[in-house]
C-alpha atoms as a PDB file:
ATOM      1  CA  MET A   1       4.678   3.509  16.269  1.00  0.00           C
ATOM      2  CA  ILE A   2       4.902   1.472  13.077  1.00  0.00           C
ATOM      3  CA  ARG A   3       6.414   2.381   9.715  1.00  0.00           C
ATOM      4  CA  ILE A   4       4.332   1.268   6.727  1.00  0.00           C
ATOM      5  CA  LEU A   5       5.369   1.047   3.070  1.00  0.00           C
ATOM      6  CA  GLY A   6       2.507   1.363   0.602  1.00  0.00           C
ATOM      7  CA  ILE A   7       3.080   0.143  -2.944  1.00  0.00           C
ATOM      8  CA  ASP A   8       1.042   0.883  -6.072  1.00  0.00           C
ATOM      9  CA  PRO A   9       2.505  -1.564  -8.608  1.00  0.00           C
ATOM     10  CA  GLY A  10       2.745  -0.755 -12.299  1.00  0.00           C
ATOM     11  CA  LEU A  11       4.896  -1.734 -15.261  1.00  0.00           C
ATOM     12  CA  ARG A  12       5.581   1.861 -16.315  1.00  0.00           C
ATOM     13  CA  VAL A  13       5.489   3.545 -12.917  1.00  0.00           C
ATOM     14  CA  THR A  14       5.390   1.911  -9.490  1.00  0.00           C
ATOM     15  CA  GLY A  15       4.401   4.286  -6.713  1.00  0.00           C
ATOM     16  CA  PHE A  16       5.671   4.034  -3.162  1.00  0.00           C
ATOM     17  CA  GLY A  17       4.724   5.830   0.034  1.00  0.00           C
ATOM     18  CA  VAL A  18       6.077   5.517   3.548  1.00  0.00           C
ATOM     19  CA  ILE A  19       4.183   6.688   6.625  1.00  0.00           C
ATOM     20  CA  GLU A  20       4.415   6.197  10.365  1.00  0.00           C
ATOM     21  CA  ALA A  21       1.287   5.340  12.313  1.00  0.00           C
ATOM     22  CA  ASP A  22       0.910   5.742  16.050  1.00  0.00           C
ATOM     23  CA  GLY A  23      -2.652   4.631  16.687  1.00  0.00           C
ATOM     24  CA  PRO A  24      -4.825   7.066  14.743  1.00  0.00           C
ATOM     25  CA  ARG A  25      -1.960   9.575  14.264  1.00  0.00           C
ATOM     26  CA  LEU A  26      -0.263   9.455  10.869  1.00  0.00           C
ATOM     27  CA  ARG A  27       3.036  11.036   9.841  1.00  0.00           C
ATOM     28  CA  TYR A  28       4.397  11.327   6.321  1.00  0.00           C
ATOM     29  CA  VAL A  29       7.925   9.954   5.839  1.00  0.00           C
ATOM     30  CA  ALA A  30       8.531   9.748   2.065  1.00  0.00           C
ATOM     31  CA  SER A  31       6.932   9.001  -1.275  1.00  0.00           C
ATOM     32  CA  GLY A  32       7.809   8.802  -4.927  1.00  0.00           C
ATOM     33  CA  VAL A  33       7.873   6.548  -7.932  1.00  0.00           C
ATOM     34  CA  VAL A  34      10.065   3.933  -9.530  1.00  0.00           C
ATOM     35  CA  ARG A  35      10.091   4.675 -13.261  1.00  0.00           C
ATOM     36  CA  ILE A  36      10.314   1.616 -15.472  1.00  0.00           C
ATOM     37  CA  GLY A  37      11.511   1.911 -19.054  1.00  0.00           C
ATOM     38  CA  ALA A  38      10.124   0.110 -22.055  1.00  0.00           C
ATOM     39  CA  GLY A  39      11.463  -3.202 -23.225  1.00  0.00           C
ATOM     40  CA  ASP A  40      11.370  -6.843 -22.260  1.00  0.00           C
ATOM     41  CA  LEU A  41       9.365  -7.848 -19.211  1.00  0.00           C
ATOM     42  CA  ALA A  42      12.136  -9.456 -17.124  1.00  0.00           C
ATOM     43  CA  PRO A  43      14.382  -6.344 -16.952  1.00  0.00           C
ATOM     44  CA  ARG A  44      11.333  -4.206 -16.157  1.00  0.00           C
ATOM     45  CA  LEU A  45      10.446  -6.495 -13.216  1.00  0.00           C
ATOM     46  CA  LYS A  46      14.070  -6.244 -12.037  1.00  0.00           C
ATOM     47  CA  THR A  47      13.779  -2.432 -12.108  1.00  0.00           C
ATOM     48  CA  ILE A  48      10.726  -2.675  -9.836  1.00  0.00           C
ATOM     49  CA  HIS A  49      12.601  -5.028  -7.498  1.00  0.00           C
ATOM     50  CA  ASP A  50      15.766  -2.894  -7.393  1.00  0.00           C
ATOM     51  CA  GLY A  51      13.844   0.366  -6.895  1.00  0.00           C
ATOM     52  CA  LEU A  52      11.705  -0.978  -4.068  1.00  0.00           C
ATOM     53  CA  ALA A  53      14.710  -2.679  -2.446  1.00  0.00           C
ATOM     54  CA  GLU A  54      16.406   0.733  -2.350  1.00  0.00           C
ATOM     55  CA  VAL A  55      13.303   2.296  -0.762  1.00  0.00           C
ATOM     56  CA  ILE A  56      13.170  -0.482   1.866  1.00  0.00           C
ATOM     57  CA  ARG A  57      16.867  -0.054   2.708  1.00  0.00           C
ATOM     58  CA  ALA A  58      16.533   3.742   2.926  1.00  0.00           C
ATOM     59  CA  TYR A  59      13.335   3.983   5.018  1.00  0.00           C
ATOM     60  CA  ARG A  60      13.264   0.650   6.898  1.00  0.00           C
ATOM     61  CA  PRO A  61       9.501   0.000   6.941  1.00  0.00           C
ATOM     62  CA  GLN A  62       8.124  -2.736   9.193  1.00  0.00           C
ATOM     63  CA  ILE A  63       5.151  -3.669   6.988  1.00  0.00           C
ATOM     64  CA  ALA A  64       4.399  -3.528   3.270  1.00  0.00           C
ATOM     65  CA  VAL A  65       0.946  -2.963   1.811  1.00  0.00           C
ATOM     66  CA  VAL A  66       0.159  -3.709  -1.832  1.00  0.00           C
ATOM     67  CA  GLU A  67      -2.973  -2.932  -3.779  1.00  0.00           C
ATOM     68  CA  ILE A  68      -4.762  -5.985  -5.184  1.00  0.00           C
ATOM     69  CA  VAL A  69      -4.957  -6.016  -8.980  1.00  0.00           C
ATOM     70  CA  PHE A  70      -8.433  -5.630 -10.364  1.00  0.00           C
ATOM     71  CA  VAL A  71      -9.485  -7.681 -13.374  1.00  0.00           C
ATOM     72  CA  ASN A  72      -9.297  -5.413 -16.380  1.00  0.00           C
ATOM     73  CA  VAL A  73     -11.215  -5.765 -19.631  1.00  0.00           C
ATOM     74  CA  ASN A  74      -7.909  -6.722 -21.231  1.00  0.00           C
ATOM     75  CA  PRO A  75      -6.728 -10.022 -19.692  1.00  0.00           C
ATOM     76  CA  LYS A  76      -3.187  -9.543 -21.044  1.00  0.00           C
ATOM     77  CA  SER A  77      -2.865  -6.183 -19.240  1.00  0.00           C
ATOM     78  CA  THR A  78      -4.214  -7.735 -16.042  1.00  0.00           C
ATOM     79  CA  LEU A  79      -1.659 -10.554 -16.211  1.00  0.00           C
ATOM     80  CA  LEU A  80       1.207  -8.132 -16.863  1.00  0.00           C
ATOM     81  CA  LEU A  81       0.134  -5.920 -13.968  1.00  0.00           C
ATOM     82  CA  GLY A  82      -0.063  -9.029 -11.800  1.00  0.00           C
ATOM     83  CA  GLN A  83       3.572  -9.716 -12.602  1.00  0.00           C
ATOM     84  CA  ALA A  84       4.558  -6.184 -11.521  1.00  0.00           C
ATOM     85  CA  ARG A  85       2.618  -6.797  -8.320  1.00  0.00           C
ATOM     86  CA  GLY A  86       4.426 -10.123  -7.869  1.00  0.00           C
ATOM     87  CA  ALA A  87       7.796  -8.381  -8.204  1.00  0.00           C
ATOM     88  CA  ALA A  88       6.762  -5.849  -5.544  1.00  0.00           C
ATOM     89  CA  ILE A  89       5.515  -8.528  -3.143  1.00  0.00           C
ATOM     90  CA  THR A  90       8.631 -10.648  -3.681  1.00  0.00           C
ATOM     91  CA  THR A  91      10.855  -7.664  -2.902  1.00  0.00           C
ATOM     92  CA  ALA A  92       9.015  -7.055   0.369  1.00  0.00           C
ATOM     93  CA  VAL A  93       9.171 -10.730   1.333  1.00  0.00           C
ATOM     94  CA  VAL A  94      12.883 -10.984   0.479  1.00  0.00           C
ATOM     95  CA  HIS A  95      13.401  -8.090   2.915  1.00  0.00           C
ATOM     96  CA  GLU A  96      11.347 -10.005   5.515  1.00  0.00           C
ATOM     97  CA  LEU A  97       8.424  -7.588   5.575  1.00  0.00           C
ATOM     98  CA  PRO A  98       4.938  -8.923   6.249  1.00  0.00           C
ATOM     99  CA  VAL A  99       2.727  -8.078   3.267  1.00  0.00           C
ATOM    100  CA  HIS A 100      -0.899  -6.976   3.564  1.00  0.00           C
ATOM    101  CA  GLU A 101      -3.238  -6.553   0.619  1.00  0.00           C
ATOM    102  CA  TYR A 102      -6.281  -4.366   0.011  1.00  0.00           C
ATOM    103  CA  SER A 103      -8.462  -3.840  -3.040  1.00  0.00           C
ATOM    104  CA  ALA A 104      -8.663  -0.425  -4.699  1.00  0.00           C
ATOM    105  CA  LEU A 105     -12.233  -0.195  -3.394  1.00  0.00           C
ATOM    106  CA  GLN A 106     -11.069  -0.736   0.212  1.00  0.00           C
ATOM    107  CA  VAL A 107      -8.225   1.771  -0.150  1.00  0.00           C
ATOM    108  CA  LYS A 108     -10.473   4.480  -1.603  1.00  0.00           C
ATOM    109  CA  GLN A 109     -13.134   3.824   1.041  1.00  0.00           C
ATOM    110  CA  ALA A 110     -10.567   4.161   3.847  1.00  0.00           C
ATOM    111  CA  VAL A 111      -9.038   7.356   2.490  1.00  0.00           C
ATOM    112  CA  ALA A 112     -11.822   9.202   0.676  1.00  0.00           C
ATOM    113  CA  GLY A 113     -14.904   7.646   2.304  1.00  0.00           C
ATOM    114  CA  TYR A 114     -16.140   6.442  -1.084  1.00  0.00           C
ATOM    115  CA  GLY A 115     -14.943   3.237  -2.766  1.00  0.00           C
ATOM    116  CA  ARG A 116     -15.271   4.663  -6.265  1.00  0.00           C
ATOM    117  CA  ALA A 117     -13.526   7.979  -5.581  1.00  0.00           C
ATOM    118  CA  ALA A 118     -11.649   9.582  -8.467  1.00  0.00           C
ATOM    119  CA  LYS A 119      -7.848   9.749  -8.448  1.00  0.00           C
ATOM    120  CA  ALA A 120      -8.000  13.509  -7.804  1.00  0.00           C
ATOM    121  CA  GLN A 121     -10.144  12.905  -4.696  1.00  0.00           C
ATOM    122  CA  VAL A 122      -7.653  10.320  -3.394  1.00  0.00           C
ATOM    123  CA  GLN A 123      -4.776  12.745  -4.008  1.00  0.00           C
ATOM    124  CA  ALA A 124      -6.562  15.551  -2.167  1.00  0.00           C
ATOM    125  CA  MET A 125      -7.462  13.352   0.807  1.00  0.00           C
ATOM    126  CA  VAL A 126      -3.926  11.952   1.066  1.00  0.00           C
ATOM    127  CA  GLN A 127      -2.614  15.509   1.045  1.00  0.00           C
ATOM    128  CA  ARG A 128      -5.062  16.461   3.771  1.00  0.00           C
ATOM    129  CA  LEU A 129      -4.634  13.362   5.979  1.00  0.00           C
ATOM    130  CA  LEU A 130      -0.831  13.664   5.922  1.00  0.00           C
ATOM    131  CA  ALA A 131      -0.740  17.497   6.004  1.00  0.00           C
ATOM    132  CA  LEU A 132       1.369  17.631   2.845  1.00  0.00           C
ATOM    133  CA  PRO A 133       2.275  21.056   1.400  1.00  0.00           C
ATOM    134  CA  GLY A 134       1.250  19.962  -2.117  1.00  0.00           C
ATOM    135  CA  LEU A 135      -0.481  17.194  -4.022  1.00  0.00           C
ATOM    136  CA  PRO A 136       1.568  14.013  -4.422  1.00  0.00           C
ATOM    137  CA  SER A 137       1.692  12.440  -7.901  1.00  0.00           C
ATOM    138  CA  THR A 138      -1.189  10.065  -8.586  1.00  0.00           C
ATOM    139  CA  ASP A 139       1.022   6.963  -8.266  1.00  0.00           C
ATOM    140  CA  ALA A 140       2.636   8.168  -5.013  1.00  0.00           C
ATOM    141  CA  ALA A 141      -0.806   9.185  -3.688  1.00  0.00           C
ATOM    142  CA  ASP A 142      -2.189   5.709  -4.427  1.00  0.00           C
ATOM    143  CA  ALA A 143       0.755   4.123  -2.585  1.00  0.00           C
ATOM    144  CA  LEU A 144       0.346   6.471   0.391  1.00  0.00           C
ATOM    145  CA  ALA A 145      -3.386   5.681   0.359  1.00  0.00           C
ATOM    146  CA  CYS A 146      -2.551   1.954   0.642  1.00  0.00           C
ATOM    147  CA  ALA A 147      -0.397   2.664   3.702  1.00  0.00           C
ATOM    148  CA  ILE A 148      -3.119   4.878   5.233  1.00  0.00           C
ATOM    149  CA  CYS A 149      -5.734   2.166   4.589  1.00  0.00           C
ATOM    150  CA  HIS A 150      -3.652  -0.369   6.494  1.00  0.00           C
ATOM    151  CA  ALA A 151      -3.015   2.076   9.353  1.00  0.00           C
ATOM    152  CA  HIS A 152      -6.761   2.699   9.674  1.00  0.00           C
ATOM    153  CA  ALA A 153      -7.634  -1.006   9.418  1.00  0.00           C
ATOM    154  CA  THR A 154      -5.040  -1.932  12.032  1.00  0.00           C
ATOM    155  CA  THR A 155      -6.242   0.792  14.406  1.00  0.00           C
ATOM    156  CA  MET A 156      -9.875  -0.278  13.968  1.00  0.00           C
ATOM    157  CA  THR A 157      -9.019  -3.962  14.369  1.00  0.00           C
ATOM    158  CA  ALA A 158      -7.079  -3.202  17.547  1.00  0.00           C
ATOM    159  CA  ALA A 159      -9.938  -1.115  18.920  1.00  0.00           C
ATOM    160  CA  ALA A 160     -12.469  -3.845  18.127  1.00  0.00           C
ATOM    161  CA  ALA A 161     -10.247  -6.391  19.872  1.00  0.00           C
ATOM    162  CA  GLY A 162     -10.034  -4.330  23.022  1.00  0.00           C
ATOM    163  CA  GLY A 163      -7.169  -1.936  22.432  1.00  0.00           C
ATOM    164  CA  LEU A 164      -4.348  -4.209  21.297  1.00  0.00           C
ATOM    165  CA  SER A 165      -1.239  -2.541  19.914  1.00  0.00           C
ATOM    166  CA  ALA A 166      -1.475  -1.286  16.340  1.00  0.00           C
ATOM    167  CA  ALA A 167       1.911  -2.889  15.646  1.00  0.00           C
ATOM    168  CA  ALA A 168       0.558  -6.363  16.388  1.00  0.00           C
ATOM    169  CA  PRO A 169      -2.878  -6.910  14.879  1.00  0.00           C
ATOM    170  CA  PRO A 170      -4.888  -9.688  16.501  1.00  0.00           C
ATOM    171  CA  ARG A 171      -4.706 -13.100  14.918  1.00  0.00           C
ATOM    172  CA  GLY A 172      -7.617 -15.283  13.901  1.00  0.00           C
ATOM    173  CA  ARG A 173      -8.028 -18.983  14.652  1.00  0.00           C
ATOM    174  CA  SER A 174      -5.953 -19.919  11.639  1.00  0.00           C
ATOM    175  CA  GLY A 175      -3.078 -17.713  12.826  1.00  0.00           C
ATOM    176  CA  ARG A 176      -3.499 -15.235   9.955  1.00  0.00           C
ATOM    177  CA  ASN A 177      -3.703 -11.528  10.652  1.00  0.00           C
ATOM    178  CA  LEU A 178      -7.267 -10.229  10.696  1.00  0.00           C
ATOM    179  CA  ARG A 179      -8.103  -7.531   8.164  1.00  0.00           C
ATOM    180  CA  LEU A 180     -11.075  -5.275   7.644  1.00  0.00           C
ATOM    181  CA  ARG A 181     -12.924  -6.215   4.498  1.00  0.00           C
ATOM    182  CA  ALA A 182     -15.910  -4.109   3.513  1.00  0.00           C
ATOM    183  CA  GLY A 183     -16.419  -3.013   7.105  1.00  0.00           C
ATOM    184  CA  ARG A 184     -16.260  -6.515   8.617  1.00  0.00           C
ATOM    185  CA  LEU A 185     -13.492  -8.441  10.267  1.00  0.00           C
ATOM    186  CA  ARG A 186     -12.303 -11.430   8.310  1.00  0.00           C
END
């Protein structure tokens, strides 16, 4: 069994979701958001770091998964979001967690079966896959979806490699962990 922290970075709200995966079986552990106030960028990034550090200490995940930032029409917004993502990744690395990354398209495909699924569809599928009594917030659902995506990718990678443990994905020639990308091993 492996405990996975999913992170949906944002400068106003950063979602987090923690699940346990035992092969194809998933179990909900916790989810929520880190709310970031307005103001200068540096203190906002510190809020992300401090909030996620608290989540890591409380739930002790073994792996972190972060959504890859898509390029927005507004380059300034994309750069700012990238900095929130950097704060989240740094927090995971400081706590010695391996970090895996998936695009929004990959996450939605893994959870909803359609890479362009609406937020409401992702929320509903996360609720269903984790047998939650209610819908998680959109930010928490996106973070849980990241964790679910990694659990599915790890299970599929292990199965393709001949049944290796989900906790230790096979390694490629370069020593990097293999990941599913658009249905193919990379």
